[in-house]
C-alpha atoms as a PDB file:
ATOM      1  CA  MET A   1      -3.256  67.487 -89.963  1.00  0.00           C
ATOM      2  CA  SER A   2      -0.085  67.067 -92.053  1.00  0.00           C
ATOM      3  CA  ILE A   3       1.207  70.464 -90.822  1.00  0.00           C
ATOM      4  CA  ARG A   4       0.642  69.411 -87.199  1.00  0.00           C
ATOM      5  CA  CYS A   5       2.456  66.129 -87.735  1.00  0.00           C
ATOM      6  CA  PHE A   6       5.348  67.889 -89.464  1.00  0.00           C
ATOM      7  CA  THR A   7       5.598  70.380 -86.570  1.00  0.00           C
ATOM      8  CA  ARG A   8       5.760  67.627 -83.981  1.00  0.00           C
ATOM      9  CA  LYS A   9       8.413  65.736 -85.950  1.00  0.00           C
ATOM     10  CA  TRP A  10      10.424  68.951 -86.262  1.00  0.00           C
ATOM     11  CA  LYS A  11      10.202  69.453 -82.497  1.00  0.00           C
ATOM     12  CA  THR A  12      11.435  65.909 -81.942  1.00  0.00           C
ATOM     13  CA  CYS A  13      14.466  66.437 -84.202  1.00  0.00           C
ATOM     14  CA  ARG A  14      15.157  69.783 -82.542  1.00  0.00           C
ATOM     15  CA  LEU A  15      15.061  68.289 -79.041  1.00  0.00           C
ATOM     16  CA  ALA A  16      17.262  65.412 -80.156  1.00  0.00           C
ATOM     17  CA  SER A  17      19.889  67.801 -81.540  1.00  0.00           C
ATOM     18  CA  LEU A  18      19.815  69.808 -78.307  1.00  0.00           C
ATOM     19  CA  PHE A  19      20.273  66.610 -76.337  1.00  0.00           C
ATOM     20  CA  LEU A  20      23.310  65.537 -78.380  1.00  0.00           C
ATOM     21  CA  GLY A  21      24.843  68.993 -78.216  1.00  0.00           C
ATOM     22  CA  GLU A  22      24.469  69.329 -74.500  1.00  0.00           C
ATOM     23  CA  LEU A  23      25.697  65.773 -73.934  1.00  0.00           C
ATOM     24  CA  THR A  24      28.883  66.485 -75.893  1.00  0.00           C
ATOM     25  CA  SER A  25      29.558  69.782 -74.161  1.00  0.00           C
ATOM     26  CA  ASN A  26      28.921  68.319 -70.712  1.00  0.00           C
ATOM     27  CA  PHE A  27      31.281  65.440 -71.419  1.00  0.00           C
ATOM     28  CA  THR A  28      33.990  67.987 -72.198  1.00  0.00           C
ATOM     29  CA  LYS A  29      33.215  70.036 -69.107  1.00  0.00           C
ATOM     30  CA  SER A  30      33.242  66.945 -66.908  1.00  0.00           C
ATOM     31  CA  LEU A  31      37.001  66.777 -67.398  1.00  0.00           C
ATOM     32  CA  ASN A  32      37.301  69.963 -65.331  1.00  0.00           C
ATOM     33  CA  PRO A  33      36.671  69.954 -61.571  1.00  0.00           C
ATOM     34  CA  VAL A  34      34.454  73.056 -61.839  1.00  0.00           C
ATOM     35  CA  ILE A  35      30.712  72.289 -61.834  1.00  0.00           C
ATOM     36  CA  ASP A  36      28.706  74.405 -64.255  1.00  0.00           C
ATOM     37  CA  VAL A  37      25.054  75.364 -64.019  1.00  0.00           C
ATOM     38  CA  SER A  38      24.535  74.022 -67.544  1.00  0.00           C
ATOM     39  CA  THR A  39      24.821  70.488 -66.109  1.00  0.00           C
ATOM     40  CA  THR A  40      21.494  70.943 -64.337  1.00  0.00           C
ATOM     41  CA  LEU A  41      19.930  72.327 -67.487  1.00  0.00           C
ATOM     42  CA  SER A  42      21.182  69.402 -69.532  1.00  0.00           C
ATOM     43  CA  LEU A  43      19.630  66.944 -67.105  1.00  0.00           C
ATOM     44  CA  ARG A  44      16.312  68.698 -67.492  1.00  0.00           C
ATOM     45  CA  GLN A  45      16.612  68.514 -71.250  1.00  0.00           C
ATOM     46  CA  ILE A  46      17.441  64.825 -71.046  1.00  0.00           C
ATOM     47  CA  VAL A  47      14.287  64.203 -69.021  1.00  0.00           C
ATOM     48  CA  THR A  48      12.300  66.294 -71.501  1.00  0.00           C
ATOM     49  CA  VAL A  49      13.553  64.272 -74.427  1.00  0.00           C
ATOM     50  CA  PHE A  50      12.763  60.925 -72.833  1.00  0.00           C
ATOM     51  CA  GLU A  51       9.357  62.090 -71.632  1.00  0.00           C
ATOM     52  CA  TYR A  52       8.377  63.392 -75.032  1.00  0.00           C
ATOM     53  CA  LYS A  53       5.940  61.248 -76.986  1.00  0.00           C
ATOM     54  CA  ASN A  54       5.784  61.201 -80.782  1.00  0.00           C
ATOM     55  CA  VAL A  55       2.076  60.818 -81.399  1.00  0.00           C
ATOM     56  CA  CYS A  56       2.366  60.460 -85.175  1.00  0.00           C
ATOM     57  CA  GLY A  57       4.477  57.325 -84.909  1.00  0.00           C
ATOM     58  CA  SER A  58       2.896  56.097 -81.627  1.00  0.00           C
ATOM     59  CA  PHE A  59       6.389  55.712 -80.218  1.00  0.00           C
ATOM     60  CA  ARG A  60       7.053  55.968 -76.483  1.00  0.00           C
ATOM     61  CA  GLU A  61      10.535  56.760 -75.199  1.00  0.00           C
ATOM     62  CA  TYR A  62       9.547  56.763 -71.528  1.00  0.00           C
ATOM     63  CA  HIS A  63       8.174  54.198 -69.089  1.00  0.00           C
ATOM     64  CA  ASP A  64       4.484  54.904 -68.734  1.00  0.00           C
ATOM     65  CA  GLY A  65       3.915  52.637 -65.737  1.00  0.00           C
ATOM     66  CA  ARG A  66       2.536  49.681 -67.663  1.00  0.00           C
ATOM     67  CA  PRO A  67       4.031  46.268 -66.778  1.00  0.00           C
ATOM     68  CA  ARG A  68       6.629  44.868 -69.127  1.00  0.00           C
ATOM     69  CA  GLY A  69       5.424  41.352 -69.900  1.00  0.00           C
ATOM     70  CA  PRO A  70       2.749  39.327 -68.085  1.00  0.00           C
ATOM     71  CA  LEU A  71       1.988  40.701 -64.650  1.00  0.00           C
ATOM     72  CA  TRP A  72       1.880  37.246 -63.005  1.00  0.00           C
ATOM     73  CA  ARG A  73       5.475  36.561 -64.014  1.00  0.00           C
ATOM     74  CA  GLY A  74       6.731  39.474 -61.938  1.00  0.00           C
ATOM     75  CA  LYS A  75       4.727  38.371 -58.905  1.00  0.00           C
ATOM     76  CA  LYS A  76       5.065  34.598 -58.940  1.00  0.00           C
ATOM     77  CA  LEU A  77       8.423  34.284 -60.720  1.00  0.00           C
ATOM     78  CA  ILE A  78       7.336  31.231 -62.677  1.00  0.00           C
ATOM     79  CA  GLY A  79       9.880  30.209 -65.289  1.00  0.00           C
ATOM     80  CA  LYS A  80       9.194  28.800 -68.730  1.00  0.00           C
ATOM     81  CA  GLU A  81      10.090  25.251 -67.733  1.00  0.00           C
ATOM     82  CA  ALA A  82       7.739  25.418 -64.749  1.00  0.00           C
ATOM     83  CA  LEU A  83       4.921  26.700 -66.950  1.00  0.00           C
ATOM     84  CA  PHE A  84       5.558  23.895 -69.417  1.00  0.00           C
ATOM     85  CA  VAL A  85       5.410  21.340 -66.588  1.00  0.00           C
ATOM     86  CA  ILE A  86       2.149  22.791 -65.244  1.00  0.00           C
ATOM     87  CA  SER A  87       0.455  22.623 -68.643  1.00  0.00           C
ATOM     88  CA  GLY A  88       1.809  19.115 -69.233  1.00  0.00           C
ATOM     89  CA  LEU A  89       0.599  17.827 -65.877  1.00  0.00           C
ATOM     90  CA  LYS A  90      -2.869  19.212 -66.492  1.00  0.00           C
ATOM     91  CA  ARG A  91      -2.905  17.706 -69.976  1.00  0.00           C
ATOM     92  CA  PHE A  92      -1.951  14.201 -68.826  1.00  0.00           C
ATOM     93  CA  LYS A  93      -3.616  14.138 -65.394  1.00  0.00           C
ATOM     94  CA  ASP A  94      -6.243  11.620 -66.542  1.00  0.00           C
ATOM     95  CA  ASP A  95      -3.800   9.455 -68.472  1.00  0.00           C
ATOM     96  CA  GLU A  96      -2.322   6.769 -66.226  1.00  0.00           C
ATOM     97  CA  GLU A  97       0.348   5.852 -68.788  1.00  0.00           C
ATOM     98  CA  LYS A  98       1.592   9.245 -69.954  1.00  0.00           C
ATOM     99  CA  LEU A  99       1.524  11.032 -66.579  1.00  0.00           C
ATOM    100  CA  PRO A 100       4.295   8.924 -64.931  1.00  0.00           C
ATOM    101  CA  LYS A 101       6.446   9.258 -68.056  1.00  0.00           C
ATOM    102  CA  PHE A 102       5.971  13.027 -68.076  1.00  0.00           C
ATOM    103  CA  ILE A 103       6.904  13.222 -64.395  1.00  0.00           C
ATOM    104  CA  LYS A 104      10.036  11.172 -65.004  1.00  0.00           C
ATOM    105  CA  THR A 105      11.191  13.137 -68.042  1.00  0.00           C
ATOM    106  CA  HIS A 106      10.207  16.685 -67.065  1.00  0.00           C
ATOM    107  CA  VAL A 107       9.161  17.100 -63.428  1.00  0.00           C
ATOM    108  CA  LEU A 108      12.184  15.352 -61.925  1.00  0.00           C
ATOM    109  CA  ARG A 109      14.595  17.582 -63.823  1.00  0.00           C
ATOM    110  CA  LEU A 110      13.194  20.806 -62.354  1.00  0.00           C
ATOM    111  CA  LEU A 111      15.229  22.828 -59.898  1.00  0.00           C
ATOM    112  CA  LYS A 112      14.045  23.307 -56.334  1.00  0.00           C
ATOM    113  CA  MET A 113      12.500  26.756 -56.777  1.00  0.00           C
ATOM    114  CA  ASP A 114      10.787  25.779 -60.030  1.00  0.00           C
ATOM    115  CA  LEU A 115       9.302  22.698 -58.378  1.00  0.00           C
ATOM    116  CA  ILE A 116       7.996  24.788 -55.473  1.00  0.00           C
ATOM    117  CA  ALA A 117       6.529  27.272 -57.966  1.00  0.00           C
ATOM    118  CA  VAL A 118       4.763  24.421 -59.764  1.00  0.00           C
ATOM    119  CA  LEU A 119       3.325  23.158 -56.467  1.00  0.00           C
ATOM    120  CA  THR A 120       2.117  26.627 -55.458  1.00  0.00           C
ATOM    121  CA  GLU A 121       0.506  27.313 -58.817  1.00  0.00           C
ATOM    122  CA  LEU A 122      -1.300  23.974 -58.879  1.00  0.00           C
ATOM    123  CA  GLU A 123      -2.677  24.700 -55.412  1.00  0.00           C
ATOM    124  CA  ARG A 124      -3.835  28.110 -56.588  1.00  0.00           C
ATOM    125  CA  GLN A 125      -5.599  26.568 -59.573  1.00  0.00           C
ATOM    126  CA  GLU A 126      -7.214  23.991 -57.223  1.00  0.00           C
ATOM    127  CA  GLU A 127      -5.519  21.096 -59.034  1.00  0.00           C
ATOM    128  CA  VAL A 128      -5.109  19.351 -55.702  1.00  0.00           C
ATOM    129  CA  SER A 129      -4.508  15.854 -57.090  1.00  0.00           C
ATOM    130  CA  LEU A 130      -1.606  17.089 -59.196  1.00  0.00           C
ATOM    131  CA  ALA A 131      -0.341  19.208 -56.308  1.00  0.00           C
ATOM    132  CA  LEU A 132      -0.272  16.142 -54.068  1.00  0.00           C
ATOM    133  CA  THR A 133       1.623  14.212 -56.756  1.00  0.00           C
ATOM    134  CA  VAL A 134       4.203  16.980 -57.089  1.00  0.00           C
ATOM    135  CA  PHE A 135       4.593  17.150 -53.310  1.00  0.00           C
ATOM    136  CA  LYS A 136       5.355  13.427 -53.165  1.00  0.00           C
ATOM    137  CA  VAL A 137       7.961  13.959 -55.870  1.00  0.00           C
ATOM    138  CA  MET A 138       9.515  16.717 -53.774  1.00  0.00           C
ATOM    139  CA  GLN A 139       9.728  14.444 -50.734  1.00  0.00           C
ATOM    140  CA  ARG A 140      11.964  12.057 -52.703  1.00  0.00           C
ATOM    141  CA  GLN A 141      14.484  14.748 -53.611  1.00  0.00           C
ATOM    142  CA  ASP A 142      17.868  14.964 -51.888  1.00  0.00           C
ATOM    143  CA  TRP A 143      17.354  18.616 -50.998  1.00  0.00           C
ATOM    144  CA  TYR A 144      13.976  18.029 -49.310  1.00  0.00           C
ATOM    145  CA  LYS A 145      13.657  19.029 -45.673  1.00  0.00           C
ATOM    146  CA  PRO A 146      10.439  18.952 -43.604  1.00  0.00           C
ATOM    147  CA  ASP A 147       8.694  22.297 -44.037  1.00  0.00           C
ATOM    148  CA  ILE A 148       5.458  23.117 -42.252  1.00  0.00           C
ATOM    149  CA  PHE A 149       4.536  25.774 -44.813  1.00  0.00           C
ATOM    150  CA  LEU A 150       4.579  23.268 -47.684  1.00  0.00           C
ATOM    151  CA  TYR A 151       2.312  21.010 -45.653  1.00  0.00           C
ATOM    152  CA  LYS A 152       0.061  23.864 -44.595  1.00  0.00           C
ATOM    153  CA  ASP A 153      -0.792  25.145 -48.063  1.00  0.00           C
ATOM    154  CA  LEU A 154      -1.382  21.674 -49.439  1.00  0.00           C
ATOM    155  CA  ILE A 155      -3.488  20.498 -46.475  1.00  0.00           C
ATOM    156  CA  ILE A 156      -5.664  23.610 -46.635  1.00  0.00           C
ATOM    157  CA  ALA A 157      -6.130  23.170 -50.396  1.00  0.00           C
ATOM    158  CA  LEU A 158      -7.128  19.528 -49.917  1.00  0.00           C
ATOM    159  CA  ALA A 159      -9.494  20.351 -47.049  1.00  0.00           C
ATOM    160  CA  ARG A 160     -11.263  23.047 -49.070  1.00  0.00           C
ATOM    161  CA  ALA A 161     -11.640  20.553 -51.917  1.00  0.00           C
ATOM    162  CA  LYS A 162     -13.221  18.028 -49.481  1.00  0.00           C
ATOM    163  CA  ARG A 163     -10.392  15.539 -50.043  1.00  0.00           C
ATOM    164  CA  MET A 164     -10.349  14.499 -46.411  1.00  0.00           C
ATOM    165  CA  ASP A 165      -8.827  11.042 -46.986  1.00  0.00           C
ATOM    166  CA  ASP A 166      -5.803  12.714 -48.554  1.00  0.00           C
ATOM    167  CA  VAL A 167      -5.772  15.209 -45.690  1.00  0.00           C
ATOM    168  CA  LEU A 168      -5.533  12.359 -43.179  1.00  0.00           C
ATOM    169  CA  GLN A 169      -2.625  10.742 -45.018  1.00  0.00           C
ATOM    170  CA  LEU A 170      -0.797  14.040 -45.295  1.00  0.00           C
ATOM    171  CA  TRP A 171      -1.553  14.821 -41.651  1.00  0.00           C
ATOM    172  CA  GLU A 172       0.023  11.559 -40.500  1.00  0.00           C
ATOM    173  CA  SER A 173       3.062  12.230 -42.664  1.00  0.00           C
ATOM    174  CA  MET A 174       3.387  15.679 -41.096  1.00  0.00           C
ATOM    175  CA  LYS A 175       3.253  14.208 -37.587  1.00  0.00           C
ATOM    176  CA  LYS A 176       5.959  11.672 -38.453  1.00  0.00           C
ATOM    177  CA  GLU A 177       8.219  14.560 -39.429  1.00  0.00           C
ATOM    178  CA  ASP A 178       7.581  16.217 -36.023  1.00  0.00           C
ATOM    179  CA  LEU A 179       5.784  19.198 -37.501  1.00  0.00           C
ATOM    180  CA  PHE A 180       2.879  21.044 -35.900  1.00  0.00           C
ATOM    181  CA  ALA A 181       0.198  22.955 -37.739  1.00  0.00           C
ATOM    182  CA  ASP A 182      -0.900  26.497 -36.990  1.00  0.00           C
ATOM    183  CA  SER A 183      -4.335  27.790 -36.027  1.00  0.00           C
ATOM    184  CA  GLN A 184      -5.458  28.375 -39.615  1.00  0.00           C
ATOM    185  CA  THR A 185      -4.625  24.808 -40.606  1.00  0.00           C
ATOM    186  CA  TYR A 186      -6.468  23.381 -37.593  1.00  0.00           C
ATOM    187  CA  THR A 187      -9.476  25.531 -38.412  1.00  0.00           C
ATOM    188  CA  GLU A 188      -9.683  24.462 -42.065  1.00  0.00           C
ATOM    189  CA  VAL A 189      -9.168  20.769 -41.315  1.00  0.00           C
ATOM    190  CA  ILE A 190     -11.723  20.738 -38.482  1.00  0.00           C
ATOM    191  CA  ARG A 191     -14.217  22.565 -40.687  1.00  0.00           C
ATOM    192  CA  GLY A 192     -13.570  20.100 -43.503  1.00  0.00           C
ATOM    193  CA  PHE A 193     -14.203  17.048 -41.327  1.00  0.00           C
ATOM    194  CA  LEU A 194     -17.333  18.551 -39.812  1.00  0.00           C
ATOM    195  CA  SER A 195     -18.797  19.480 -43.185  1.00  0.00           C
ATOM    196  CA  SER A 196     -18.059  15.993 -44.509  1.00  0.00           C
ATOM    197  CA  GLY A 197     -19.861  14.389 -41.555  1.00  0.00           C
ATOM    198  CA  SER A 198     -16.838  13.076 -39.653  1.00  0.00           C
ATOM    199  CA  PRO A 199     -16.997  14.544 -36.132  1.00  0.00           C
ATOM    200  CA  ALA A 200     -14.737  11.780 -34.771  1.00  0.00           C
ATOM    201  CA  ASP A 201     -11.919  12.796 -37.129  1.00  0.00           C
ATOM    202  CA  ALA A 202     -12.512  16.436 -36.200  1.00  0.00           C
ATOM    203  CA  MET A 203     -12.064  15.504 -32.536  1.00  0.00           C
ATOM    204  CA  ASN A 204      -8.814  13.702 -33.356  1.00  0.00           C
ATOM    205  CA  ILE A 205      -7.495  16.886 -34.961  1.00  0.00           C
ATOM    206  CA  TYR A 206      -8.703  18.759 -31.892  1.00  0.00           C
ATOM    207  CA  GLU A 207      -6.643  16.486 -29.633  1.00  0.00           C
ATOM    208  CA  ASP A 208      -3.583  17.132 -31.812  1.00  0.00           C
ATOM    209  CA  MET A 209      -4.220  20.851 -31.471  1.00  0.00           C
ATOM    210  CA  LYS A 210      -4.270  20.630 -27.676  1.00  0.00           C
ATOM    211  CA  SER A 211      -0.918  18.822 -27.678  1.00  0.00           C
ATOM    212  CA  SER A 212       0.684  21.390 -29.950  1.00  0.00           C
ATOM    213  CA  PRO A 213       3.453  23.513 -28.382  1.00  0.00           C
ATOM    214  CA  ASP A 214       1.809  26.686 -29.722  1.00  0.00           C
ATOM    215  CA  PRO A 215      -0.984  28.181 -27.607  1.00  0.00           C
ATOM    216  CA  PRO A 216      -4.434  27.549 -29.114  1.00  0.00           C
ATOM    217  CA  GLU A 217      -6.653  30.278 -30.522  1.00  0.00           C
ATOM    218  CA  GLU A 218     -10.383  30.770 -30.208  1.00  0.00           C
ATOM    219  CA  LEU A 219     -11.402  30.283 -33.838  1.00  0.00           C
ATOM    220  CA  PRO A 220     -10.819  26.498 -34.085  1.00  0.00           C
ATOM    221  CA  PHE A 221     -12.733  26.066 -30.816  1.00  0.00           C
ATOM    222  CA  ARG A 222     -15.693  28.081 -32.060  1.00  0.00           C
ATOM    223  CA  ILE A 223     -15.785  26.216 -35.376  1.00  0.00           C
ATOM    224  CA  LEU A 224     -15.798  22.941 -33.473  1.00  0.00           C
ATOM    225  CA  LEU A 225     -18.430  24.090 -30.966  1.00  0.00           C
ATOM    226  CA  LYS A 226     -20.721  25.160 -33.793  1.00  0.00           C
ATOM    227  CA  GLY A 227     -20.242  21.958 -35.772  1.00  0.00           C
ATOM    228  CA  LEU A 228     -20.805  19.730 -32.744  1.00  0.00           C
ATOM    229  CA  LEU A 229     -24.245  21.088 -31.911  1.00  0.00           C
ATOM    230  CA  PRO A 230     -25.877  17.806 -33.008  1.00  0.00           C
ATOM    231  CA  HIS A 231     -23.396  15.931 -30.779  1.00  0.00           C
ATOM    232  CA  PRO A 232     -23.915  17.314 -27.249  1.00  0.00           C
ATOM    233  CA  LEU A 233     -21.525  14.954 -25.455  1.00  0.00           C
ATOM    234  CA  LEU A 234     -18.580  15.867 -27.653  1.00  0.00           C
ATOM    235  CA  ARG A 235     -19.572  19.521 -27.549  1.00  0.00           C
ATOM    236  CA  ASN A 236     -19.633  19.604 -23.725  1.00  0.00           C
ATOM    237  CA  LYS A 237     -16.092  18.275 -23.633  1.00  0.00           C
ATOM    238  CA  VAL A 238     -14.860  20.971 -26.000  1.00  0.00           C
ATOM    239  CA  LYS A 239     -16.862  23.603 -24.134  1.00  0.00           C
ATOM    240  CA  GLN A 240     -15.208  22.762 -20.818  1.00  0.00           C
ATOM    241  CA  ASP A 241     -11.757  23.060 -22.385  1.00  0.00           C
ATOM    242  CA  PHE A 242     -12.720  26.353 -23.982  1.00  0.00           C
ATOM    243  CA  GLU A 243     -13.913  27.835 -20.687  1.00  0.00           C
ATOM    244  CA  GLU A 244     -10.676  26.805 -18.965  1.00  0.00           C
ATOM    245  CA  ILE A 245      -8.392  28.207 -21.667  1.00  0.00           C
ATOM    246  CA  PHE A 246     -10.425  31.339 -22.428  1.00  0.00           C
ATOM    247  CA  PRO A 247     -12.178  32.247 -19.162  1.00  0.00           C
ATOM    248  CA  ASP A 248     -13.029  35.776 -20.336  1.00  0.00           C
ATOM    249  CA  SER A 249     -14.798  34.625 -23.517  1.00  0.00           C
ATOM    250  CA  SER A 250     -18.438  33.641 -23.795  1.00  0.00           C
ATOM    251  CA  ILE A 251     -20.138  30.893 -25.804  1.00  0.00           C
ATOM    252  CA  TYR A 252     -23.551  31.054 -27.395  1.00  0.00           C
ATOM    253  CA  ASP A 253     -25.711  28.081 -26.446  1.00  0.00           C
ATOM    254  CA  PRO A 254     -28.911  27.604 -28.477  1.00  0.00           C
ATOM    255  CA  PRO A 255     -32.124  26.564 -26.746  1.00  0.00           C
ATOM    256  CA  GLN A 256     -32.047  22.955 -25.566  1.00  0.00           C
ATOM    257  CA  GLU A 257     -35.167  21.995 -27.419  1.00  0.00           C
ATOM    258  CA  ILE A 258     -33.431  22.533 -30.753  1.00  0.00           C
ATOM    259  CA  PHE A 259     -30.841  19.774 -30.382  1.00  0.00           C
ATOM    260  CA  GLY A 260     -32.065  18.072 -27.234  1.00  0.00           C
ATOM    261  CA  ALA A 261     -30.831  18.226 -23.649  1.00  0.00           C
ATOM    262  CA  ARG A 262     -27.081  18.415 -23.120  1.00  0.00           C
END
């Protein structure tokens, strides 16, 4: 075993000396305009040296494809200050005295991109109450401009968490800023109201969808038609609109005796 380790170390020293020798000679030859074949050979030797692995010392001179640092940092680009704010918000979220102080001393001093990263990460972790608090902080900043994508992600997160009262408040704020949701947002909000037993609120969102400048899609209609099966009068109204907008699409109607005559 010791002989094998000595042999590998000797090979490493040998390759290193070859690398230094070729590097010196090529530097001298680079002063001349003539290109020598040895330049190609030296490049191969350089690659060989950096790809060589000294097993005895467990030392790697080459990049083996593993990420350098936490993988999430390269994807989400969350800085240290943003991470500190996220952990602090989660630590003080149930403390009515310390949370406002933490927001004043740490959240308000964040830059725009760090604040957006904090909002996105809180939504991903389903900390919707904190995400809503951070969003309200963002709205008070001088750089804030109405952005439908900020509203969309937060509204969807709130709807999936069954926080429909907060969804309504945020929805009204979005309408005041002359923003219109997309089909995915309409679908999630309608589904949230139907699952929480509020078909009237789902119909209000449906009316907003019809007045949107973007053409409607089938999915919100189908979610609404399915959720309104116990409410035949409301369902007939939606069904008529669906047949006018999508004349080539069909709707499944269950037997009348299940939910009564329509």
